[in-house]
Amino acid sequence: MFFRNEEALIRKPAEGVVLKVVSYGGGLMMTEVTFEKGVSLPVHAHVHEQITYIAKGSFEFTLGEETKVVKQGDSIYIPSNMPHSVTALEDAVAVDAFTPQREDFK
């Protein structure tokens, strides 16, 4: 299955955040999330396993009780139901892969 960028589903989950569903199939989904500097997503958790790859910029990322700064080229694995939050330290882009698919993003 092919996915064209200009046909991607786009969501705006918060002011300064644009989420683009770039592909999905079987039990997987991939999104590209663009953040404006200073924007935060509060602590949340979901049943989906998630891997985040930092494609551009840097973030302060909290996973459970641990907080680290992650930058372009770094990645994070988030187990199912693990509380996590993120703040963009500059204009930044993250690529997220989820399993199972995030039906709430379609």
PDB file of N, CA and C in Angstrom:
ATOM      1  N   MET A   1       0.848  -1.171   0.000  1.00  0.00           N
ATOM      2  CA  MET A   1       0.000   0.000   0.000  1.00  0.00           C
ATOM      3  C   MET A   1       0.900   1.242   0.000  1.00  0.00           C
ATOM      4  N   PHE A   2       0.539   2.230  -0.805  1.00  0.00           N
ATOM      5  CA  PHE A   2       1.297   3.474  -0.887  1.00  0.00           C
ATOM      6  C   PHE A   2       0.509   4.600  -0.248  1.00  0.00           C
ATOM      7  N   PHE A   3       1.210   5.528   0.367  1.00  0.00           N
ATOM      8  CA  PHE A   3       0.591   6.698   0.988  1.00  0.00           C
ATOM      9  C   PHE A   3       1.265   7.945   0.442  1.00  0.00           C
ATOM     10  N   ARG A   4       0.469   8.856  -0.084  1.00  0.00           N
ATOM     11  CA  ARG A   4       1.000  10.088  -0.646  1.00  0.00           C
ATOM     12  C   ARG A   4       0.893  11.212   0.385  1.00  0.00           C
ATOM     13  N   ASN A   5       1.965  11.958   0.530  1.00  0.00           N
ATOM     14  CA  ASN A   5       2.030  13.020   1.516  1.00  0.00           C
ATOM     15  C   ASN A   5       0.853  13.990   1.404  1.00  0.00           C
ATOM     16  N   GLU A   6       0.518  14.376   0.186  1.00  0.00           N
ATOM     17  CA  GLU A   6      -0.556  15.361  -0.002  1.00  0.00           C
ATOM     18  C   GLU A   6      -1.939  14.808   0.344  1.00  0.00           C
ATOM     19  N   GLU A   7      -2.060  13.504   0.533  1.00  0.00           N
ATOM     20  CA  GLU A   7      -3.335  12.897   0.890  1.00  0.00           C
ATOM     21  C   GLU A   7      -3.402  12.471   2.355  1.00  0.00           C
ATOM     22  N   ALA A   8      -2.371  12.785   3.129  1.00  0.00           N
ATOM     23  CA  ALA A   8      -2.299  12.339   4.526  1.00  0.00           C
ATOM     24  C   ALA A   8      -3.397  12.973   5.379  1.00  0.00           C
ATOM     25  N   LEU A   9      -3.893  12.198   6.333  1.00  0.00           N
ATOM     26  CA  LEU A   9      -4.825  12.724   7.332  1.00  0.00           C
ATOM     27  C   LEU A   9      -4.054  13.662   8.251  1.00  0.00           C
ATOM     28  N   ILE A  10      -4.606  14.841   8.519  1.00  0.00           N
ATOM     29  CA  ILE A  10      -3.944  15.812   9.387  1.00  0.00           C
ATOM     30  C   ILE A  10      -4.858  16.137  10.554  1.00  0.00           C
ATOM     31  N   ARG A  11      -4.272  16.134  11.747  1.00  0.00           N
ATOM     32  CA  ARG A  11      -4.977  16.468  12.980  1.00  0.00           C
ATOM     33  C   ARG A  11      -4.199  17.565  13.702  1.00  0.00           C
ATOM     34  N   LYS A  12      -4.888  18.359  14.519  1.00  0.00           N
ATOM     35  CA  LYS A  12      -4.238  19.374  15.336  1.00  0.00           C
ATOM     36  C   LYS A  12      -4.645  19.124  16.791  1.00  0.00           C
ATOM     37  N   PRO A  13      -3.926  18.210  17.470  1.00  0.00           N
ATOM     38  CA  PRO A  13      -4.318  17.816  18.832  1.00  0.00           C
ATOM     39  C   PRO A  13      -4.132  18.909  19.876  1.00  0.00           C
ATOM     40  N   ALA A  14      -3.332  19.939  19.579  1.00  0.00           N
ATOM     41  CA  ALA A  14      -3.110  21.049  20.505  1.00  0.00           C
ATOM     42  C   ALA A  14      -2.615  22.240  19.700  1.00  0.00           C
ATOM     43  N   GLU A  15      -2.741  23.426  20.265  1.00  0.00           N
ATOM     44  CA  GLU A  15      -2.211  24.623  19.619  1.00  0.00           C
ATOM     45  C   GLU A  15      -0.702  24.456  19.428  1.00  0.00           C
ATOM     46  N   GLY A  16      -0.230  24.664  18.208  1.00  0.00           N
ATOM     47  CA  GLY A  16       1.197  24.540  17.930  1.00  0.00           C
ATOM     48  C   GLY A  16       1.666  23.136  17.621  1.00  0.00           C
ATOM     49  N   VAL A  17       0.715  22.188  17.458  1.00  0.00           N
ATOM     50  CA  VAL A  17       1.051  20.797  17.154  1.00  0.00           C
ATOM     51  C   VAL A  17       0.245  20.357  15.932  1.00  0.00           C
ATOM     52  N   VAL A  18       0.940  19.813  14.932  1.00  0.00           N
ATOM     53  CA  VAL A  18       0.269  19.259  13.753  1.00  0.00           C
ATOM     54  C   VAL A  18       0.682  17.799  13.636  1.00  0.00           C
ATOM     55  N   LEU A  19      -0.302  16.913  13.646  1.00  0.00           N
ATOM     56  CA  LEU A  19      -0.072  15.470  13.551  1.00  0.00           C
ATOM     57  C   LEU A  19      -0.538  15.006  12.181  1.00  0.00           C
ATOM     58  N   LYS A  20       0.344  14.340  11.464  1.00  0.00           N
ATOM     59  CA  LYS A  20       0.032  13.826  10.136  1.00  0.00           C
ATOM     60  C   LYS A  20       0.135  12.301  10.182  1.00  0.00           C
ATOM     61  N   VAL A  21      -0.933  11.602   9.819  1.00  0.00           N
ATOM     62  CA  VAL A  21      -0.911  10.144   9.717  1.00  0.00           C
ATOM     63  C   VAL A  21      -0.273   9.819   8.374  1.00  0.00           C
ATOM     64  N   VAL A  22       0.957   9.304   8.402  1.00  0.00           N
ATOM     65  CA  VAL A  22       1.686   9.091   7.142  1.00  0.00           C
ATOM     66  C   VAL A  22       1.513   7.698   6.565  1.00  0.00           C
ATOM     67  N   SER A  23       1.200   6.701   7.417  1.00  0.00           N
ATOM     68  CA  SER A  23       0.912   5.362   6.902  1.00  0.00           C
ATOM     69  C   SER A  23       0.330   4.494   8.007  1.00  0.00           C
ATOM     70  N   TYR A  24      -0.393   3.444   7.577  1.00  0.00           N
ATOM     71  CA  TYR A  24      -0.933   2.465   8.516  1.00  0.00           C
ATOM     72  C   TYR A  24      -1.322   1.210   7.762  1.00  0.00           C
ATOM     73  N   GLY A  25      -1.311   0.099   8.463  1.00  0.00           N
ATOM     74  CA  GLY A  25      -1.705  -1.175   7.890  1.00  0.00           C
ATOM     75  C   GLY A  25      -1.418  -2.280   8.880  1.00  0.00           C
ATOM     76  N   GLY A  26      -2.183  -3.363   8.789  1.00  0.00           N
ATOM     77  CA  GLY A  26      -2.016  -4.441   9.749  1.00  0.00           C
ATOM     78  C   GLY A  26      -2.178  -3.890  11.156  1.00  0.00           C
ATOM     79  N   GLY A  27      -1.194  -4.115  12.009  1.00  0.00           N
ATOM     80  CA  GLY A  27      -1.263  -3.618  13.376  1.00  0.00           C
ATOM     81  C   GLY A  27      -0.416  -2.387  13.628  1.00  0.00           C
ATOM     82  N   LEU A  28       0.080  -1.727  12.550  1.00  0.00           N
ATOM     83  CA  LEU A  28       1.011  -0.609  12.706  1.00  0.00           C
ATOM     84  C   LEU A  28       0.442   0.702  12.179  1.00  0.00           C
ATOM     85  N   MET A  29       0.933   1.795  12.752  1.00  0.00           N
ATOM     86  CA  MET A  29       0.618   3.135  12.264  1.00  0.00           C
ATOM     87  C   MET A  29       1.840   4.013  12.468  1.00  0.00           C
ATOM     88  N   MET A  30       2.087   4.920  11.516  1.00  0.00           N
ATOM     89  CA  MET A  30       3.178   5.882  11.651  1.00  0.00           C
ATOM     90  C   MET A  30       2.625   7.285  11.478  1.00  0.00           C
ATOM     91  N   THR A  31       3.100   8.197  12.339  1.00  0.00           N
ATOM     92  CA  THR A  31       2.697   9.590  12.252  1.00  0.00           C
ATOM     93  C   THR A  31       3.930  10.486  12.255  1.00  0.00           C
ATOM     94  N   GLU A  32       3.768  11.675  11.706  1.00  0.00           N
ATOM     95  CA  GLU A  32       4.774  12.725  11.779  1.00  0.00           C
ATOM     96  C   GLU A  32       4.138  13.863  12.569  1.00  0.00           C
ATOM     97  N   VAL A  33       4.805  14.300  13.642  1.00  0.00           N
ATOM     98  CA  VAL A  33       4.230  15.315  14.512  1.00  0.00           C
ATOM     99  C   VAL A  33       5.169  16.513  14.550  1.00  0.00           C
ATOM    100  N   THR A  34       4.660  17.668  14.135  1.00  0.00           N
ATOM    101  CA  THR A  34       5.424  18.908  14.112  1.00  0.00           C
ATOM    102  C   THR A  34       5.016  19.764  15.305  1.00  0.00           C
ATOM    103  N   PHE A  35       6.019  20.226  16.057  1.00  0.00           N
ATOM    104  CA  PHE A  35       5.801  21.031  17.258  1.00  0.00           C
ATOM    105  C   PHE A  35       6.436  22.403  17.086  1.00  0.00           C
ATOM    106  N   GLU A  36       5.742  23.437  17.534  1.00  0.00           N
ATOM    107  CA  GLU A  36       6.354  24.751  17.649  1.00  0.00           C
ATOM    108  C   GLU A  36       7.130  24.806  18.962  1.00  0.00           C
ATOM    109  N   LYS A  37       8.193  25.586  18.995  1.00  0.00           N
ATOM    110  CA  LYS A  37       9.015  25.740  20.191  1.00  0.00           C
ATOM    111  C   LYS A  37       8.142  26.095  21.399  1.00  0.00           C
ATOM    112  N   GLY A  38       8.401  25.415  22.517  1.00  0.00           N
ATOM    113  CA  GLY A  38       7.710  25.696  23.772  1.00  0.00           C
ATOM    114  C   GLY A  38       6.411  24.947  23.988  1.00  0.00           C
ATOM    115  N   VAL A  39       5.905  24.277  22.962  1.00  0.00           N
ATOM    116  CA  VAL A  39       4.641  23.548  23.084  1.00  0.00           C
ATOM    117  C   VAL A  39       4.862  22.251  23.866  1.00  0.00           C
ATOM    118  N   SER A  40       3.930  21.959  24.772  1.00  0.00           N
ATOM    119  CA  SER A  40       3.982  20.736  25.581  1.00  0.00           C
ATOM    120  C   SER A  40       2.739  19.896  25.362  1.00  0.00           C
ATOM    121  N   LEU A  41       2.914  18.586  25.410  1.00  0.00           N
ATOM    122  CA  LEU A  41       1.782  17.671  25.521  1.00  0.00           C
ATOM    123  C   LEU A  41       1.840  17.124  26.939  1.00  0.00           C
ATOM    124  N   PRO A  42       0.751  17.249  27.691  1.00  0.00           N
ATOM    125  CA  PRO A  42       0.765  16.839  29.094  1.00  0.00           C
ATOM    126  C   PRO A  42       0.911  15.331  29.270  1.00  0.00           C
ATOM    127  N   VAL A  43       1.144  14.925  30.491  1.00  0.00           N
ATOM    128  CA  VAL A  43       1.275  13.500  30.805  1.00  0.00           C
ATOM    129  C   VAL A  43       0.034  12.762  30.328  1.00  0.00           C
ATOM    130  N   HIS A  44       0.272  11.683  29.602  1.00  0.00           N
ATOM    131  CA  HIS A  44      -0.812  10.834  29.125  1.00  0.00           C
ATOM    132  C   HIS A  44      -0.270   9.420  28.960  1.00  0.00           C
ATOM    133  N   ALA A  45      -1.166   8.479  28.774  1.00  0.00           N
ATOM    134  CA  ALA A  45      -0.804   7.076  28.552  1.00  0.00           C
ATOM    135  C   ALA A  45      -1.855   6.466  27.639  1.00  0.00           C
ATOM    136  N   HIS A  46      -1.477   5.408  26.944  1.00  0.00           N
ATOM    137  CA  HIS A  46      -2.401   4.704  26.052  1.00  0.00           C
ATOM    138  C   HIS A  46      -1.966   3.252  25.954  1.00  0.00           C
ATOM    139  N   VAL A  47      -2.870   2.405  25.497  1.00  0.00           N
ATOM    140  CA  VAL A  47      -2.577   0.969  25.423  1.00  0.00           C
ATOM    141  C   VAL A  47      -1.563   0.646  24.330  1.00  0.00           C
ATOM    142  N   HIS A  48      -1.361   1.558  23.408  1.00  0.00           N
ATOM    143  CA  HIS A  48      -0.471   1.324  22.272  1.00  0.00           C
ATOM    144  C   HIS A  48       0.986   1.371  22.693  1.00  0.00           C
ATOM    145  N   GLU A  49       1.796   0.451  22.166  1.00  0.00           N
ATOM    146  CA  GLU A  49       3.242   0.597  22.262  1.00  0.00           C
ATOM    147  C   GLU A  49       3.624   1.682  21.256  1.00  0.00           C
ATOM    148  N   GLN A  50       4.671   2.437  21.570  1.00  0.00           N
ATOM    149  CA  GLN A  50       5.065   3.547  20.718  1.00  0.00           C
ATOM    150  C   GLN A  50       6.585   3.622  20.636  1.00  0.00           C
ATOM    151  N   ILE A  51       7.083   3.898  19.446  1.00  0.00           N
ATOM    152  CA  ILE A  51       8.486   4.261  19.265  1.00  0.00           C
ATOM    153  C   ILE A  51       8.492   5.640  18.622  1.00  0.00           C
ATOM    154  N   THR A  52       9.258   6.550  19.216  1.00  0.00           N
ATOM    155  CA  THR A  52       9.379   7.909  18.700  1.00  0.00           C
ATOM    156  C   THR A  52      10.802   8.135  18.223  1.00  0.00           C
ATOM    157  N   TYR A  53      10.928   8.665  17.020  1.00  0.00           N
ATOM    158  CA  TYR A  53      12.216   9.030  16.441  1.00  0.00           C
ATOM    159  C   TYR A  53      12.229  10.551  16.283  1.00  0.00           C
ATOM    160  N   ILE A  54      13.261  11.200  16.778  1.00  0.00           N
ATOM    161  CA  ILE A  54      13.358  12.651  16.674  1.00  0.00           C
ATOM    162  C   ILE A  54      13.988  12.985  15.321  1.00  0.00           C
ATOM    163  N   ALA A  55      13.169  13.507  14.415  1.00  0.00           N
ATOM    164  CA  ALA A  55      13.620  13.806  13.054  1.00  0.00           C
ATOM    165  C   ALA A  55      14.245  15.195  12.938  1.00  0.00           C
ATOM    166  N   LYS A  56      13.849  16.109  13.827  1.00  0.00           N
ATOM    167  CA  LYS A  56      14.355  17.479  13.772  1.00  0.00           C
ATOM    168  C   LYS A  56      14.195  18.105  15.146  1.00  0.00           C
ATOM    169  N   GLY A  57      15.168  18.890  15.570  1.00  0.00           N
ATOM    170  CA  GLY A  57      15.046  19.659  16.800  1.00  0.00           C
ATOM    171  C   GLY A  57      15.347  18.855  18.048  1.00  0.00           C
ATOM    172  N   SER A  58      14.783  19.330  19.167  1.00  0.00           N
ATOM    173  CA  SER A  58      14.998  18.655  20.451  1.00  0.00           C
ATOM    174  C   SER A  58      13.779  18.813  21.341  1.00  0.00           C
ATOM    175  N   PHE A  59      13.656  17.881  22.288  1.00  0.00           N
ATOM    176  CA  PHE A  59      12.526  17.837  23.211  1.00  0.00           C
ATOM    177  C   PHE A  59      13.020  17.515  24.619  1.00  0.00           C
ATOM    178  N   GLU A  60      12.277  17.984  25.606  1.00  0.00           N
ATOM    179  CA  GLU A  60      12.407  17.442  26.958  1.00  0.00           C
ATOM    180  C   GLU A  60      11.314  16.393  27.049  1.00  0.00           C
ATOM    181  N   PHE A  61      11.701  15.160  27.291  1.00  0.00           N
ATOM    182  CA  PHE A  61      10.779  14.028  27.241  1.00  0.00           C
ATOM    183  C   PHE A  61      10.765  13.335  28.589  1.00  0.00           C
ATOM    184  N   THR A  62       9.578  13.134  29.134  1.00  0.00           N
ATOM    185  CA  THR A  62       9.433  12.412  30.396  1.00  0.00           C
ATOM    186  C   THR A  62       8.755  11.086  30.121  1.00  0.00           C
ATOM    187  N   LEU A  63       9.391  10.019  30.577  1.00  0.00           N
ATOM    188  CA  LEU A  63       8.890   8.660  30.425  1.00  0.00           C
ATOM    189  C   LEU A  63       8.827   8.069  31.823  1.00  0.00           C
ATOM    190  N   GLY A  64       7.613   7.899  32.344  1.00  0.00           N
ATOM    191  CA  GLY A  64       7.463   7.462  33.734  1.00  0.00           C
ATOM    192  C   GLY A  64       8.021   8.536  34.646  1.00  0.00           C
ATOM    193  N   GLU A  65       9.023   8.193  35.453  1.00  0.00           N
ATOM    194  CA  GLU A  65       9.636   9.137  36.392  1.00  0.00           C
ATOM    195  C   GLU A  65      10.942   9.725  35.852  1.00  0.00           C
ATOM    196  N   GLU A  66      11.352   9.341  34.634  1.00  0.00           N
ATOM    197  CA  GLU A  66      12.644   9.761  34.085  1.00  0.00           C
ATOM    198  C   GLU A  66      12.459  10.841  33.021  1.00  0.00           C
ATOM    199  N   THR A  67      13.221  11.929  33.137  1.00  0.00           N
ATOM    200  CA  THR A  67      13.173  13.020  32.169  1.00  0.00           C
ATOM    201  C   THR A  67      14.544  13.183  31.534  1.00  0.00           C
ATOM    202  N   LYS A  68      14.549  13.294  30.192  1.00  0.00           N
ATOM    203  CA  LYS A  68      15.799  13.489  29.452  1.00  0.00           C
ATOM    204  C   LYS A  68      15.543  14.440  28.295  1.00  0.00           C
ATOM    205  N   VAL A  69      16.611  15.096  27.863  1.00  0.00           N
ATOM    206  CA  VAL A  69      16.561  15.867  26.623  1.00  0.00           C
ATOM    207  C   VAL A  69      16.953  14.930  25.489  1.00  0.00           C
ATOM    208  N   VAL A  70      16.114  14.894  24.453  1.00  0.00           N
ATOM    209  CA  VAL A  70      16.392  14.076  23.270  1.00  0.00           C
ATOM    210  C   VAL A  70      16.484  15.008  22.073  1.00  0.00           C
ATOM    211  N   LYS A  71      17.355  14.652  21.127  1.00  0.00           N
ATOM    212  CA  LYS A  71      17.602  15.517  19.980  1.00  0.00           C
ATOM    213  C   LYS A  71      17.560  14.709  18.689  1.00  0.00           C
ATOM    214  N   GLN A  72      17.689  15.415  17.596  1.00  0.00           N
ATOM    215  CA  GLN A  72      17.636  14.790  16.279  1.00  0.00           C
ATOM    216  C   GLN A  72      18.498  13.535  16.241  1.00  0.00           C
ATOM    217  N   GLY A  73      17.884  12.435  15.771  1.00  0.00           N
ATOM    218  CA  GLY A  73      18.569  11.150  15.659  1.00  0.00           C
ATOM    219  C   GLY A  73      18.323  10.223  16.836  1.00  0.00           C
ATOM    220  N   ASP A  74      17.832  10.758  17.967  1.00  0.00           N
ATOM    221  CA  ASP A  74      17.528   9.925  19.132  1.00  0.00           C
ATOM    222  C   ASP A  74      16.157   9.267  18.965  1.00  0.00           C
ATOM    223  N   SER A  75      15.915   8.220  19.751  1.00  0.00           N
ATOM    224  CA  SER A  75      14.603   7.565  19.731  1.00  0.00           C
ATOM    225  C   SER A  75      14.229   7.112  21.128  1.00  0.00           C
ATOM    226  N   ILE A  76      12.932   6.858  21.316  1.00  0.00           N
ATOM    227  CA  ILE A  76      12.378   6.473  22.610  1.00  0.00           C
ATOM    228  C   ILE A  76      11.399   5.324  22.386  1.00  0.00           C
ATOM    229  N   TYR A  77      11.471   4.308  23.235  1.00  0.00           N
ATOM    230  CA  TYR A  77      10.459   3.242  23.232  1.00  0.00           C
ATOM    231  C   TYR A  77       9.537   3.486  24.424  1.00  0.00           C
ATOM    232  N   ILE A  78       8.228   3.486  24.171  1.00  0.00           N
ATOM    233  CA  ILE A  78       7.232   3.719  25.210  1.00  0.00           C
ATOM    234  C   ILE A  78       6.351   2.476  25.312  1.00  0.00           C
ATOM    235  N   PRO A  79       6.469   1.729  26.420  1.00  0.00           N
ATOM    236  CA  PRO A  79       5.626   0.543  26.587  1.00  0.00           C
ATOM    237  C   PRO A  79       4.141   0.915  26.736  1.00  0.00           C
ATOM    238  N   SER A  80       3.297  -0.049  26.532  1.00  0.00           N
ATOM    239  CA  SER A  80       1.862   0.111  26.720  1.00  0.00           C
ATOM    240  C   SER A  80       1.565   0.663  28.115  1.00  0.00           C
ATOM    241  N   ASN A  81       0.680   1.654  28.177  1.00  0.00           N
ATOM    242  CA  ASN A  81       0.186   2.268  29.417  1.00  0.00           C
ATOM    243  C   ASN A  81       1.244   3.007  30.227  1.00  0.00           C
ATOM    244  N   MET A  82       2.396   3.335  29.666  1.00  0.00           N
ATOM    245  CA  MET A  82       3.439   4.087  30.353  1.00  0.00           C
ATOM    246  C   MET A  82       3.127   5.586  30.272  1.00  0.00           C
ATOM    247  N   PRO A  83       2.993   6.273  31.416  1.00  0.00           N
ATOM    248  CA  PRO A  83       2.772   7.728  31.373  1.00  0.00           C
ATOM    249  C   PRO A  83       3.981   8.424  30.737  1.00  0.00           C
ATOM    250  N   HIS A  84       3.700   9.404  29.871  1.00  0.00           N
ATOM    251  CA  HIS A  84       4.758  10.162  29.219  1.00  0.00           C
ATOM    252  C   HIS A  84       4.264  11.545  28.830  1.00  0.00           C
ATOM    253  N   SER A  85       5.226  12.471  28.690  1.00  0.00           N
ATOM    254  CA  SER A  85       4.916  13.831  28.263  1.00  0.00           C
ATOM    255  C   SER A  85       6.102  14.377  27.493  1.00  0.00           C
ATOM    256  N   VAL A  86       5.892  15.498  26.793  1.00  0.00           N
ATOM    257  CA  VAL A  86       6.945  16.058  25.946  1.00  0.00           C
ATOM    258  C   VAL A  86       6.786  17.573  25.861  1.00  0.00           C
ATOM    259  N   THR A  87       7.930  18.264  25.802  1.00  0.00           N
ATOM    260  CA  THR A  87       7.970  19.699  25.543  1.00  0.00           C
ATOM    261  C   THR A  87       9.004  19.957  24.454  1.00  0.00           C
ATOM    262  N   ALA A  88       8.613  20.710  23.428  1.00  0.00           N
ATOM    263  CA  ALA A  88       9.532  21.051  22.345  1.00  0.00           C
ATOM    264  C   ALA A  88      10.454  22.179  22.818  1.00  0.00           C
ATOM    265  N   LEU A  89      11.751  21.939  22.775  1.00  0.00           N
ATOM    266  CA  LEU A  89      12.733  22.940  23.180  1.00  0.00           C
ATOM    267  C   LEU A  89      13.060  23.903  22.040  1.00  0.00           C
ATOM    268  N   GLU A  90      12.639  23.544  20.837  1.00  0.00           N
ATOM    269  CA  GLU A  90      12.784  24.367  19.633  1.00  0.00           C
ATOM    270  C   GLU A  90      11.750  23.841  18.646  1.00  0.00           C
ATOM    271  N   ASP A  91      11.566  24.502  17.515  1.00  0.00           N
ATOM    272  CA  ASP A  91      10.692  23.926  16.497  1.00  0.00           C
ATOM    273  C   ASP A  91      11.234  22.530  16.201  1.00  0.00           C
ATOM    274  N   ALA A  92      10.355  21.549  16.201  1.00  0.00           N
ATOM    275  CA  ALA A  92      10.832  20.167  16.144  1.00  0.00           C
ATOM    276  C   ALA A  92       9.826  19.253  15.457  1.00  0.00           C
ATOM    277  N   VAL A  93      10.329  18.089  15.014  1.00  0.00           N
ATOM    278  CA  VAL A  93       9.501  17.075  14.354  1.00  0.00           C
ATOM    279  C   VAL A  93       9.836  15.711  14.938  1.00  0.00           C
ATOM    280  N   ALA A  94       8.795  14.968  15.307  1.00  0.00           N
ATOM    281  CA  ALA A  94       8.950  13.593  15.788  1.00  0.00           C
ATOM    282  C   ALA A  94       8.172  12.664  14.863  1.00  0.00           C
ATOM    283  N   VAL A  95       8.714  11.472  14.648  1.00  0.00           N
ATOM    284  CA  VAL A  95       8.018  10.433  13.888  1.00  0.00           C
ATOM    285  C   VAL A  95       7.677   9.334  14.877  1.00  0.00           C
ATOM    286  N   ASP A  96       6.376   9.039  14.995  1.00  0.00           N
ATOM    287  CA  ASP A  96       5.886   8.044  15.954  1.00  0.00           C
ATOM    288  C   ASP A  96       5.351   6.823  15.234  1.00  0.00           C
ATOM    289  N   ALA A  97       5.719   5.643  15.728  1.00  0.00           N
ATOM    290  CA  ALA A  97       5.148   4.382  15.250  1.00  0.00           C
ATOM    291  C   ALA A  97       4.358   3.777  16.398  1.00  0.00           C
ATOM    292  N   PHE A  98       3.158   3.308  16.106  1.00  0.00           N
ATOM    293  CA  PHE A  98       2.269   2.736  17.118  1.00  0.00           C
ATOM    294  C   PHE A  98       1.841   1.329  16.728  1.00  0.00           C
ATOM    295  N   THR A  99       1.693   0.479  17.726  1.00  0.00           N
ATOM    296  CA  THR A  99       1.032  -0.804  17.560  1.00  0.00           C
ATOM    297  C   THR A  99       0.194  -1.060  18.804  1.00  0.00           C
ATOM    298  N   PRO A 100      -1.066  -1.425  18.700  1.00  0.00           N
ATOM    299  CA  PRO A 100      -1.847  -1.454  17.459  1.00  0.00           C
ATOM    300  C   PRO A 100      -2.058  -0.032  16.927  1.00  0.00           C
ATOM    301  N   GLN A 101      -2.729   0.073  15.794  1.00  0.00           N
ATOM    302  CA  GLN A 101      -3.013   1.365  15.208  1.00  0.00           C
ATOM    303  C   GLN A 101      -3.803   2.255  16.167  1.00  0.00           C
ATOM    304  N   ARG A 102      -3.591   3.555  16.078  1.00  0.00           N
ATOM    305  CA  ARG A 102      -4.353   4.538  16.859  1.00  0.00           C
ATOM    306  C   ARG A 102      -5.631   4.845  16.094  1.00  0.00           C
ATOM    307  N   GLU A 103      -6.692   4.140  16.400  1.00  0.00           N
ATOM    308  CA  GLU A 103      -7.970   4.371  15.716  1.00  0.00           C
ATOM    309  C   GLU A 103      -8.457   5.789  15.941  1.00  0.00           C
ATOM    310  N   ASP A 104      -8.082   6.402  17.075  1.00  0.00           N
ATOM    311  CA  ASP A 104      -8.517   7.762  17.371  1.00  0.00           C
ATOM    312  C   ASP A 104      -7.835   8.807  16.467  1.00  0.00           C
ATOM    313  N   PHE A 105      -6.827   8.419  15.705  1.00  0.00           N
ATOM    314  CA  PHE A 105      -6.153   9.334  14.791  1.00  0.00           C
ATOM    315  C   PHE A 105      -6.732   9.277  13.388  1.00  0.00           C
ATOM    316  N   LYS A 106      -7.583   8.299  13.106  1.00  0.00           N
ATOM    317  CA  LYS A 106      -8.151   8.161  11.747  1.00  0.00           C
ATOM    318  C   LYS A 106      -9.388   9.008  11.585  1.00  0.00           C
TER     319      LYS A 106
END
